[in-house]
Amino acid sequence: MPRIESFKFGSIVIGGKTYGRDVLMLPDGTVKRRRGSIRFGIGSHVIKKGEINELVKANPEVVVVGTGTNAWAQLASDAELCVKEAKIELIALPSEKAAEKFNQLTDEGKKVAALMHITC
């Protein structure tokens, strides 16, 4: 599983590759561009059920959500319910802390999926 090597407003480095957009990280190591409502090249501040469902389908033990540098992004209530109904642990933190938590959990051998919002 690639590590999150660094995070700063507007940029995240995962496994040596820099991303300038929000990303989804799957437990198999796949990193994908977040396809939420995109405006000005960034993901929406509302994280929808469809986005979270893609992570849930990957069957992780934990879903980590990075809510941005100022934690402005929020999970829609149906997105949060989707994770809880699947009996998957959900951790939502400002993105810098979420990156640290993601790395900690993967170091512990947990099967982790993540959505990282890289702005606001």
Foldseek 3Di string as FASTA:
>chain_A
DWAFPDADAQWTATNNDIDREKWKAFLVGDIGGDPADDDPRYHDLEAELVRLVVRVVSPFQEEEEANAQVNSRDYDPVNVVSCVVSVHHYHYDHQRVSSVVVNVCVVVVGRYMYIHGRHD
